[in-house]
């Protein structure tokens, strides 16, 4: 038996037809979609959706944006809560927002236990979503409430919107104080 080879054929780009690229809004979870408690939020009774979030997400979705949540959940690695507890919160988020969120990417790791390229400020989870949904970074936005949320977006050419009054050490395109304000900024600027 000889060596078997697999060949991959790549059609010339002009034969593929148009490749549609989509726009997206990437969202941090804690402090953007649900109330920031200053500690890990993993119990349903503590997972309080911020006012105006469902309406703002529906508006963005109706305007053609993919909605992708990118969240660090290091409490899993540290044994503070389970993936199932986190998933219960995400299921509730989907329910309250009428299932308009296209995907939730999370990193269960913490640098004190194991390193991960997926943990923000790393770009891996963003890159996975960009590839999966054929997202065009320059048409897209990241809404976060901390620098670590915006760093990967900035590195990938995604426009950034800082939620709240936190000071930022990186360039931020815009600021908003609520999801309604954020949606209005995004829709006004396209």
C-alpha atoms as a PDB file:
ATOM      1  CA  UNK A   1       0.000   0.000   0.000  1.00  0.00           C
ATOM      2  CA  UNK A   2       1.334   3.342  -0.977  1.00  0.00           C
ATOM      3  CA  UNK A   3       0.760   6.728   0.512  1.00  0.00           C
ATOM      4  CA  UNK A   4      -2.694   8.116  -0.118  1.00  0.00           C
ATOM      5  CA  UNK A   5      -3.030  11.751  -0.939  1.00  0.00           C
ATOM      6  CA  UNK A   6      -5.957  14.024  -0.468  1.00  0.00           C
ATOM      7  CA  UNK A   7      -6.301  16.931  -2.782  1.00  0.00           C
ATOM      8  CA  UNK A   8      -8.307  20.040  -2.191  1.00  0.00           C
ATOM      9  CA  UNK A   9      -9.441  21.954  -5.226  1.00  0.00           C
ATOM     10  CA  UNK A  10      -9.807  25.690  -4.924  1.00  0.00           C
ATOM     11  CA  UNK A  11     -11.941  27.229  -7.627  1.00  0.00           C
ATOM     12  CA  UNK A  12     -10.644  30.468  -9.097  1.00  0.00           C
ATOM     13  CA  UNK A  13     -12.150  33.350  -7.155  1.00  0.00           C
ATOM     14  CA  UNK A  14     -13.935  34.731 -10.237  1.00  0.00           C
ATOM     15  CA  UNK A  15     -15.788  31.392 -10.592  1.00  0.00           C
ATOM     16  CA  UNK A  16     -17.167  31.374  -7.052  1.00  0.00           C
ATOM     17  CA  UNK A  17     -19.645  34.181  -7.499  1.00  0.00           C
ATOM     18  CA  UNK A  18     -20.068  36.926  -4.952  1.00  0.00           C
ATOM     19  CA  UNK A  19     -19.039  36.121  -1.414  1.00  0.00           C
ATOM     20  CA  UNK A  20     -21.458  37.867   0.859  1.00  0.00           C
ATOM     21  CA  UNK A  21     -19.962  39.395   3.946  1.00  0.00           C
ATOM     22  CA  UNK A  22     -22.191  40.286   6.826  1.00  0.00           C
ATOM     23  CA  UNK A  23     -22.219  42.862   9.573  1.00  0.00           C
ATOM     24  CA  UNK A  24     -22.372  41.987  13.245  1.00  0.00           C
ATOM     25  CA  UNK A  25     -22.599  43.452  16.694  1.00  0.00           C
ATOM     26  CA  UNK A  26     -20.367  41.669  19.194  1.00  0.00           C
ATOM     27  CA  UNK A  27     -21.494  42.053  22.788  1.00  0.00           C
ATOM     28  CA  UNK A  28     -19.866  41.540  26.140  1.00  0.00           C
ATOM     29  CA  UNK A  29     -22.229  39.926  28.629  1.00  0.00           C
ATOM     30  CA  UNK A  30     -21.761  41.200  32.201  1.00  0.00           C
ATOM     31  CA  UNK A  31     -22.228  44.970  32.400  1.00  0.00           C
ATOM     32  CA  UNK A  32     -23.620  45.221  28.864  1.00  0.00           C
ATOM     33  CA  UNK A  33     -26.493  42.730  28.588  1.00  0.00           C
ATOM     34  CA  UNK A  34     -27.000  41.957  32.262  1.00  0.00           C
ATOM     35  CA  UNK A  35     -26.286  43.965  35.384  1.00  0.00           C
ATOM     36  CA  UNK A  36     -22.672  43.946  36.530  1.00  0.00           C
ATOM     37  CA  UNK A  37     -22.526  42.638  40.089  1.00  0.00           C
ATOM     38  CA  UNK A  38     -18.809  43.127  40.647  1.00  0.00           C
ATOM     39  CA  UNK A  39     -18.436  39.380  40.995  1.00  0.00           C
ATOM     40  CA  UNK A  40     -19.334  36.330  38.946  1.00  0.00           C
ATOM     41  CA  UNK A  41     -22.937  36.110  37.799  1.00  0.00           C
ATOM     42  CA  UNK A  42     -24.008  32.502  37.401  1.00  0.00           C
ATOM     43  CA  UNK A  43     -27.236  32.110  39.385  1.00  0.00           C
ATOM     44  CA  UNK A  44     -30.483  32.863  37.561  1.00  0.00           C
ATOM     45  CA  UNK A  45     -31.774  34.984  40.445  1.00  0.00           C
ATOM     46  CA  UNK A  46     -28.699  37.238  40.053  1.00  0.00           C
ATOM     47  CA  UNK A  47     -28.809  37.343  36.240  1.00  0.00           C
ATOM     48  CA  UNK A  48     -30.759  40.561  35.693  1.00  0.00           C
ATOM     49  CA  UNK A  49     -31.122  41.756  32.111  1.00  0.00           C
ATOM     50  CA  UNK A  50     -30.420  45.477  31.816  1.00  0.00           C
ATOM     51  CA  UNK A  51     -33.323  47.761  30.853  1.00  0.00           C
ATOM     52  CA  UNK A  52     -33.805  48.198  27.114  1.00  0.00           C
ATOM     53  CA  UNK A  53     -31.588  45.274  26.119  1.00  0.00           C
ATOM     54  CA  UNK A  54     -34.293  43.097  24.488  1.00  0.00           C
ATOM     55  CA  UNK A  55     -35.656  46.035  22.483  1.00  0.00           C
ATOM     56  CA  UNK A  56     -32.200  47.211  21.381  1.00  0.00           C
ATOM     57  CA  UNK A  57     -31.183  43.718  20.268  1.00  0.00           C
ATOM     58  CA  UNK A  58     -34.405  43.239  18.309  1.00  0.00           C
ATOM     59  CA  UNK A  59     -33.806  46.592  16.591  1.00  0.00           C
ATOM     60  CA  UNK A  60     -30.239  45.662  15.627  1.00  0.00           C
ATOM     61  CA  UNK A  61     -31.360  42.235  14.410  1.00  0.00           C
ATOM     62  CA  UNK A  62     -34.134  43.785  12.301  1.00  0.00           C
ATOM     63  CA  UNK A  63     -31.474  46.021  10.732  1.00  0.00           C
ATOM     64  CA  UNK A  64     -29.513  43.014   9.497  1.00  0.00           C
ATOM     65  CA  UNK A  65     -26.840  42.585  12.162  1.00  0.00           C
ATOM     66  CA  UNK A  66     -25.678  39.233  13.444  1.00  0.00           C
ATOM     67  CA  UNK A  67     -25.629  39.359  17.245  1.00  0.00           C
ATOM     68  CA  UNK A  68     -22.725  37.536  18.886  1.00  0.00           C
ATOM     69  CA  UNK A  69     -21.967  37.466  22.609  1.00  0.00           C
ATOM     70  CA  UNK A  70     -18.300  37.059  23.590  1.00  0.00           C
ATOM     71  CA  UNK A  71     -17.770  36.505  27.314  1.00  0.00           C
ATOM     72  CA  UNK A  72     -15.059  35.412  29.737  1.00  0.00           C
ATOM     73  CA  UNK A  73     -16.402  32.932  32.288  1.00  0.00           C
ATOM     74  CA  UNK A  74     -13.316  32.152  34.360  1.00  0.00           C
ATOM     75  CA  UNK A  75     -15.399  31.055  37.342  1.00  0.00           C
ATOM     76  CA  UNK A  76     -15.785  27.702  35.591  1.00  0.00           C
ATOM     77  CA  UNK A  77     -12.022  27.045  35.614  1.00  0.00           C
ATOM     78  CA  UNK A  78     -11.812  28.193  39.215  1.00  0.00           C
ATOM     79  CA  UNK A  79     -14.594  25.820  40.302  1.00  0.00           C
ATOM     80  CA  UNK A  80     -16.971  28.593  41.356  1.00  0.00           C
ATOM     81  CA  UNK A  81     -19.779  27.424  39.068  1.00  0.00           C
ATOM     82  CA  UNK A  82     -20.493  24.911  36.319  1.00  0.00           C
ATOM     83  CA  UNK A  83     -21.026  25.181  32.590  1.00  0.00           C
ATOM     84  CA  UNK A  84     -24.613  24.103  33.218  1.00  0.00           C
ATOM     85  CA  UNK A  85     -25.219  27.045  35.561  1.00  0.00           C
ATOM     86  CA  UNK A  86     -23.733  29.419  32.998  1.00  0.00           C
ATOM     87  CA  UNK A  87     -25.807  27.839  30.231  1.00  0.00           C
ATOM     88  CA  UNK A  88     -28.990  28.317  32.277  1.00  0.00           C
ATOM     89  CA  UNK A  89     -28.238  32.060  32.336  1.00  0.00           C
ATOM     90  CA  UNK A  90     -27.618  32.043  28.573  1.00  0.00           C
ATOM     91  CA  UNK A  91     -30.850  30.138  27.945  1.00  0.00           C
ATOM     92  CA  UNK A  92     -32.699  32.774  29.960  1.00  0.00           C
ATOM     93  CA  UNK A  93     -30.975  35.536  27.962  1.00  0.00           C
ATOM     94  CA  UNK A  94     -32.121  33.891  24.714  1.00  0.00           C
ATOM     95  CA  UNK A  95     -35.671  33.608  26.059  1.00  0.00           C
ATOM     96  CA  UNK A  96     -35.907  37.233  27.215  1.00  0.00           C
ATOM     97  CA  UNK A  97     -34.489  38.543  23.924  1.00  0.00           C
ATOM     98  CA  UNK A  98     -36.785  36.440  21.713  1.00  0.00           C
ATOM     99  CA  UNK A  99     -33.878  34.289  20.486  1.00  0.00           C
ATOM    100  CA  UNK A 100     -32.334  37.071  18.360  1.00  0.00           C
ATOM    101  CA  UNK A 101     -28.783  36.300  19.542  1.00  0.00           C
ATOM    102  CA  UNK A 102     -27.038  34.201  16.903  1.00  0.00           C
ATOM    103  CA  UNK A 103     -24.250  32.782  19.061  1.00  0.00           C
ATOM    104  CA  UNK A 104     -22.677  32.943  22.494  1.00  0.00           C
ATOM    105  CA  UNK A 105     -18.934  32.284  22.619  1.00  0.00           C
ATOM    106  CA  UNK A 106     -17.385  31.933  26.054  1.00  0.00           C
ATOM    107  CA  UNK A 107     -13.998  31.217  27.514  1.00  0.00           C
ATOM    108  CA  UNK A 108     -14.179  29.072  30.666  1.00  0.00           C
ATOM    109  CA  UNK A 109     -10.476  29.585  31.408  1.00  0.00           C
ATOM    110  CA  UNK A 110      -8.467  31.754  33.780  1.00  0.00           C
ATOM    111  CA  UNK A 111      -4.801  32.638  33.349  1.00  0.00           C
ATOM    112  CA  UNK A 112      -3.975  31.484  36.893  1.00  0.00           C
ATOM    113  CA  UNK A 113      -5.002  27.938  35.919  1.00  0.00           C
ATOM    114  CA  UNK A 114      -4.526  27.609  32.172  1.00  0.00           C
ATOM    115  CA  UNK A 115      -3.742  29.935  29.296  1.00  0.00           C
ATOM    116  CA  UNK A 116      -6.214  30.409  26.467  1.00  0.00           C
ATOM    117  CA  UNK A 117      -6.203  32.406  23.253  1.00  0.00           C
ATOM    118  CA  UNK A 118      -9.989  32.530  23.499  1.00  0.00           C
ATOM    119  CA  UNK A 119     -10.047  34.562  26.674  1.00  0.00           C
ATOM    120  CA  UNK A 120     -10.450  38.289  26.057  1.00  0.00           C
ATOM    121  CA  UNK A 121      -8.354  40.268  25.309  1.00  0.00           C
ATOM    122  CA  UNK A 122      -7.403  37.428  22.940  1.00  0.00           C
ATOM    123  CA  UNK A 123      -8.999  37.439  19.488  1.00  0.00           C
ATOM    124  CA  UNK A 124      -9.740  33.728  18.954  1.00  0.00           C
ATOM    125  CA  UNK A 125     -13.463  33.760  19.803  1.00  0.00           C
ATOM    126  CA  UNK A 126     -13.953  36.807  17.585  1.00  0.00           C
ATOM    127  CA  UNK A 127     -12.080  35.100  14.751  1.00  0.00           C
ATOM    128  CA  UNK A 128     -14.265  32.005  15.063  1.00  0.00           C
ATOM    129  CA  UNK A 129     -17.416  34.112  14.766  1.00  0.00           C
ATOM    130  CA  UNK A 130     -15.984  36.115  11.850  1.00  0.00           C
ATOM    131  CA  UNK A 131     -15.325  32.867   9.972  1.00  0.00           C
ATOM    132  CA  UNK A 132     -18.554  31.098  10.922  1.00  0.00           C
ATOM    133  CA  UNK A 133     -20.877  33.926   9.891  1.00  0.00           C
ATOM    134  CA  UNK A 134     -18.696  35.445   7.129  1.00  0.00           C
ATOM    135  CA  UNK A 135     -18.591  38.724   9.032  1.00  0.00           C
ATOM    136  CA  UNK A 136     -16.874  41.768   7.601  1.00  0.00           C
ATOM    137  CA  UNK A 137     -14.999  43.411  10.524  1.00  0.00           C
ATOM    138  CA  UNK A 138     -15.166  46.959   9.176  1.00  0.00           C
ATOM    139  CA  UNK A 139     -18.979  46.765   9.047  1.00  0.00           C
ATOM    140  CA  UNK A 140     -19.170  45.443  12.590  1.00  0.00           C
ATOM    141  CA  UNK A 141     -19.190  46.706  16.171  1.00  0.00           C
ATOM    142  CA  UNK A 142     -18.125  45.554  19.626  1.00  0.00           C
ATOM    143  CA  UNK A 143     -19.982  46.825  22.691  1.00  0.00           C
ATOM    144  CA  UNK A 144     -18.109  46.348  25.949  1.00  0.00           C
ATOM    145  CA  UNK A 145     -17.690  47.940  29.347  1.00  0.00           C
ATOM    146  CA  UNK A 146     -13.979  47.210  29.865  1.00  0.00           C
ATOM    147  CA  UNK A 147     -10.797  47.654  27.837  1.00  0.00           C
ATOM    148  CA  UNK A 148     -10.319  43.878  27.580  1.00  0.00           C
ATOM    149  CA  UNK A 149     -13.623  43.721  25.663  1.00  0.00           C
ATOM    150  CA  UNK A 150     -12.510  46.301  23.126  1.00  0.00           C
ATOM    151  CA  UNK A 151      -8.842  45.347  22.621  1.00  0.00           C
ATOM    152  CA  UNK A 152      -9.528  42.325  20.366  1.00  0.00           C
ATOM    153  CA  UNK A 153     -12.098  44.253  18.351  1.00  0.00           C
ATOM    154  CA  UNK A 154      -9.638  47.099  17.881  1.00  0.00           C
ATOM    155  CA  UNK A 155      -6.968  44.612  16.720  1.00  0.00           C
ATOM    156  CA  UNK A 156      -9.366  43.093  14.167  1.00  0.00           C
ATOM    157  CA  UNK A 157     -10.637  46.389  12.728  1.00  0.00           C
ATOM    158  CA  UNK A 158     -14.050  46.201  14.402  1.00  0.00           C
ATOM    159  CA  UNK A 159     -15.528  49.523  15.531  1.00  0.00           C
ATOM    160  CA  UNK A 160     -15.813  49.862  19.299  1.00  0.00           C
ATOM    161  CA  UNK A 161     -18.422  51.288  21.611  1.00  0.00           C
ATOM    162  CA  UNK A 162     -17.667  51.629  25.331  1.00  0.00           C
ATOM    163  CA  UNK A 163     -20.677  51.198  27.585  1.00  0.00           C
ATOM    164  CA  UNK A 164     -20.853  53.381  30.687  1.00  0.00           C
ATOM    165  CA  UNK A 165     -18.381  55.795  32.216  1.00  0.00           C
ATOM    166  CA  UNK A 166     -15.327  53.563  32.602  1.00  0.00           C
ATOM    167  CA  UNK A 167     -12.070  55.148  31.540  1.00  0.00           C
ATOM    168  CA  UNK A 168     -10.386  53.533  28.582  1.00  0.00           C
ATOM    169  CA  UNK A 169      -6.689  53.319  27.807  1.00  0.00           C
ATOM    170  CA  UNK A 170      -7.298  52.310  24.194  1.00  0.00           C
ATOM    171  CA  UNK A 171      -8.947  54.287  21.395  1.00  0.00           C
ATOM    172  CA  UNK A 172     -12.713  53.895  21.558  1.00  0.00           C
ATOM    173  CA  UNK A 173     -14.879  54.923  18.612  1.00  0.00           C
ATOM    174  CA  UNK A 174     -17.989  55.828  20.622  1.00  0.00           C
ATOM    175  CA  UNK A 175     -19.600  55.746  24.071  1.00  0.00           C
ATOM    176  CA  UNK A 176     -23.111  54.950  25.238  1.00  0.00           C
ATOM    177  CA  UNK A 177     -24.851  54.704  28.588  1.00  0.00           C
ATOM    178  CA  UNK A 178     -27.480  52.126  27.637  1.00  0.00           C
ATOM    179  CA  UNK A 179     -28.089  49.467  25.008  1.00  0.00           C
ATOM    180  CA  UNK A 180     -30.751  51.706  23.499  1.00  0.00           C
ATOM    181  CA  UNK A 181     -28.181  54.491  23.082  1.00  0.00           C
ATOM    182  CA  UNK A 182     -25.671  52.005  21.673  1.00  0.00           C
ATOM    183  CA  UNK A 183     -28.173  50.663  19.128  1.00  0.00           C
ATOM    184  CA  UNK A 184     -29.056  54.203  18.057  1.00  0.00           C
ATOM    185  CA  UNK A 185     -25.371  55.089  17.536  1.00  0.00           C
ATOM    186  CA  UNK A 186     -24.774  51.934  15.496  1.00  0.00           C
ATOM    187  CA  UNK A 187     -27.880  52.414  13.361  1.00  0.00           C
ATOM    188  CA  UNK A 188     -27.110  56.097  12.764  1.00  0.00           C
ATOM    189  CA  UNK A 189     -23.555  55.337  11.630  1.00  0.00           C
ATOM    190  CA  UNK A 190     -24.340  52.099   9.821  1.00  0.00           C
END
